[in-house]
Amino acid sequence: MEKGVILFDIDGTLLHAPGGRAAFAQAFMEAFGWEQTVEHINFYGATDLNVFRQICRERGAEVSAEMERAFFERLAPALEIRLAVNPPVLFPNVENPHKVFLIGDTPSDINAAKANGFISIAVATGGFDFQTLEKAGADFVFQDLTDTGRVMRVLGCGSV
């Protein structure tokens, strides 16, 4: 059997989470004082980091690790507030599988999993480190996805 990894996109695959664009605009304002719309951005297939970097390029800003950290520290709470007001809506039949895993890289992903009764798997490859994701209450935390055996065991696929 060939080794592989299963990754889940959340918004648009398992659920619809309104308020993301407004949260992005809020995070840009709070982190950098930028009045930034994101209506022109195509979020389909894009990661939050890619969207962040695209906006920075458009503004002619040189991206740094500090900028990324400042933005993502503000994006997560902005998303959390907006999702509390306008909760995600699960797509039909998502509630029927015995176990649903939500794999993400932010505390908001963990919160979304918990709010929907999913098992949260956090991966510290994005804007948040291992300890932050662990403290956020993820069911499972990975530094990255190189330990495919553990990933597959967590997903209930046995060993690889």
Protein backbone atom coordinates (compact mmCIF):
# COMPACT_ATOMS: atom_id res chain seq x y z
CA MET A 1 0.00 0.00 0.00
CA GLU A 2 1.30 3.43 -0.91
CA LYS A 3 1.59 5.91 1.97
CA GLY A 4 -0.55 9.01 1.85
CA VAL A 5 -2.03 11.74 3.96
CA ILE A 6 -5.63 12.88 4.22
CA LEU A 7 -6.19 16.63 4.45
CA PHE A 8 -9.57 18.24 4.85
CA ASP A 9 -10.61 21.62 3.67
CA ILE A 10 -13.16 22.96 6.12
CA ASP A 11 -15.19 25.85 4.76
CA GLY A 12 -17.00 24.76 1.63
CA THR A 13 -16.31 21.06 2.17
CA LEU A 14 -17.77 20.13 5.54
CA LEU A 15 -19.49 23.37 6.42
CA HIS A 16 -20.14 26.96 5.47
CA ALA A 17 -18.70 29.51 7.90
CA PRO A 18 -19.85 33.03 7.10
CA GLY A 19 -17.92 36.02 8.39
CA GLY A 20 -14.46 35.02 7.23
CA ARG A 21 -13.96 37.98 4.93
CA ALA A 22 -15.00 40.44 7.62
CA ALA A 23 -12.62 38.73 10.07
CA PHE A 24 -9.77 39.14 7.58
CA ALA A 25 -10.53 42.85 7.21
CA GLN A 26 -10.67 43.23 11.00
CA ALA A 27 -7.34 41.43 11.48
CA PHE A 28 -5.62 43.68 8.91
CA MET A 29 -6.99 46.76 10.68
CA GLU A 30 -5.95 45.57 14.13
CA ALA A 31 -2.52 44.29 13.12
CA PHE A 32 -1.42 47.03 10.73
CA GLY A 33 -4.04 49.78 10.72
CA TRP A 34 -4.93 48.91 7.12
CA GLU A 35 -8.46 49.48 5.90
CA GLN A 36 -8.42 46.44 3.69
CA THR A 37 -11.27 44.88 1.78
CA VAL A 38 -10.96 41.28 0.68
CA GLU A 39 -14.02 41.12 -1.56
CA HIS A 40 -11.81 40.83 -4.64
CA ILE A 41 -9.95 37.79 -3.26
CA ASN A 42 -10.88 34.30 -4.44
CA PHE A 43 -10.76 32.23 -1.25
CA TYR A 44 -11.55 28.96 -3.03
CA GLY A 45 -8.54 26.71 -2.80
CA ALA A 46 -6.51 29.37 -0.99
CA THR A 47 -5.00 29.03 2.45
CA ASP A 48 -5.31 31.86 4.93
CA LEU A 49 -1.56 32.37 4.63
CA ASN A 50 -1.80 32.65 0.84
CA VAL A 51 -4.57 35.24 1.15
CA PHE A 52 -2.53 37.18 3.71
CA ARG A 53 0.53 37.17 1.46
CA GLN A 54 -1.51 38.17 -1.60
CA ILE A 55 -2.88 41.22 0.22
CA CYS A 56 0.60 42.18 1.40
CA ARG A 57 1.94 41.91 -2.17
CA GLU A 58 -0.91 44.09 -3.42
CA ARG A 59 0.03 46.70 -0.82
CA GLY A 60 3.73 46.43 -1.64
CA ALA A 61 4.53 45.26 1.88
CA GLU A 62 7.48 42.98 2.50
CA VAL A 63 6.14 39.97 4.45
CA SER A 64 8.01 38.93 7.57
CA ALA A 65 7.44 36.25 10.18
CA GLU A 66 6.54 38.99 12.67
CA MET A 67 3.87 40.36 10.33
CA GLU A 68 2.42 36.89 9.81
CA ARG A 69 2.33 36.28 13.55
CA ALA A 70 0.70 39.67 14.24
CA PHE A 71 -1.97 39.06 11.61
CA PHE A 72 -2.83 35.48 12.60
CA GLU A 73 -2.92 36.32 16.31
CA ARG A 74 -5.72 38.73 15.42
CA LEU A 75 -7.45 36.65 12.77
CA ALA A 76 -8.30 33.75 15.09
CA PRO A 77 -10.20 35.86 17.67
CA ALA A 78 -11.91 37.84 14.88
CA LEU A 79 -13.15 34.58 13.35
CA GLU A 80 -14.22 33.27 16.72
CA ILE A 81 -16.33 36.37 17.41
CA ARG A 82 -17.95 36.30 13.98
CA LEU A 83 -18.67 32.56 14.14
CA ALA A 84 -20.25 32.96 17.58
CA VAL A 85 -22.69 35.49 16.09
CA ASN A 86 -23.22 33.58 12.85
CA PRO A 87 -22.36 29.90 13.51
CA PRO A 88 -21.13 27.55 10.80
CA VAL A 89 -23.75 25.49 9.00
CA LEU A 90 -22.93 21.83 8.41
CA PHE A 91 -23.62 20.48 4.96
CA PRO A 92 -26.12 17.61 4.66
CA ASN A 93 -24.89 14.18 5.78
CA VAL A 94 -21.82 15.55 7.58
CA GLU A 95 -23.40 14.70 10.92
CA ASN A 96 -24.16 11.10 9.86
CA PRO A 97 -20.40 9.68 9.76
CA HIS A 98 -19.47 7.97 13.11
CA LYS A 99 -16.33 10.10 13.39
CA VAL A 100 -15.70 13.40 11.68
CA PHE A 101 -12.22 14.86 11.86
CA LEU A 102 -11.49 18.51 11.33
CA ILE A 103 -7.86 19.09 10.48
CA GLY A 104 -6.59 22.65 10.76
CA ASP A 105 -3.80 24.91 11.88
CA THR A 106 -5.51 27.53 14.05
CA PRO A 107 -7.34 27.72 17.38
CA SER A 108 -10.42 28.71 15.35
CA ASP A 109 -10.25 25.38 13.52
CA ILE A 110 -10.15 23.65 16.90
CA ASN A 111 -13.10 25.70 18.14
CA ALA A 112 -15.06 24.91 14.97
CA ALA A 113 -14.42 21.19 15.51
CA LYS A 114 -15.53 21.36 19.13
CA ALA A 115 -18.63 23.42 18.30
CA ASN A 116 -19.71 20.81 15.77
CA GLY A 117 -18.80 17.70 17.75
CA PHE A 118 -15.87 16.83 15.49
CA ILE A 119 -12.49 15.45 16.50
CA SER A 120 -9.93 18.23 16.15
CA ILE A 121 -6.52 17.55 14.67
CA ALA A 122 -4.22 20.57 14.78
CA VAL A 123 -1.06 20.87 12.71
CA ALA A 124 1.56 23.47 13.69
CA THR A 125 2.61 24.27 10.14
CA GLY A 126 0.68 27.54 9.92
CA GLY A 127 0.69 30.67 12.04
CA PHE A 128 0.37 28.94 15.42
CA ASP A 129 2.94 26.81 17.24
CA PHE A 130 2.44 23.39 18.81
CA GLN A 131 1.98 24.67 22.36
CA THR A 132 -0.64 27.25 21.34
CA LEU A 133 -2.66 24.61 19.50
CA GLU A 134 -2.33 22.23 22.43
CA LYS A 135 -3.52 24.92 24.87
CA ALA A 136 -6.45 25.66 22.54
CA GLY A 137 -7.70 22.16 23.32
CA ALA A 138 -7.07 20.18 20.14
CA ASP A 139 -7.78 16.47 20.48
CA PHE A 140 -4.53 15.74 18.64
CA VAL A 141 -1.63 18.05 17.80
CA PHE A 142 1.08 17.40 15.24
CA GLN A 143 4.18 19.47 14.61
CA ASP A 144 3.76 18.53 10.95
CA LEU A 145 2.35 15.54 9.07
CA THR A 146 5.57 13.60 8.54
CA ASP A 147 4.63 10.88 11.06
CA THR A 148 2.13 9.28 8.68
CA GLY A 149 1.76 6.21 10.89
CA ARG A 150 0.48 8.30 13.79
CA VAL A 151 -1.74 10.37 11.49
CA MET A 152 -3.33 7.21 10.09
CA ARG A 153 -3.80 5.70 13.57
CA VAL A 154 -5.52 8.88 14.78
CA LEU A 155 -7.80 8.75 11.74
CA GLY A 156 -8.62 5.13 12.58
CA CYS A 157 -6.89 3.72 9.53
CA GLY A 158 -4.49 1.49 11.46
CA SER A 159 -0.77 1.57 10.86
CA VAL A 160 0.87 2.23 7.54
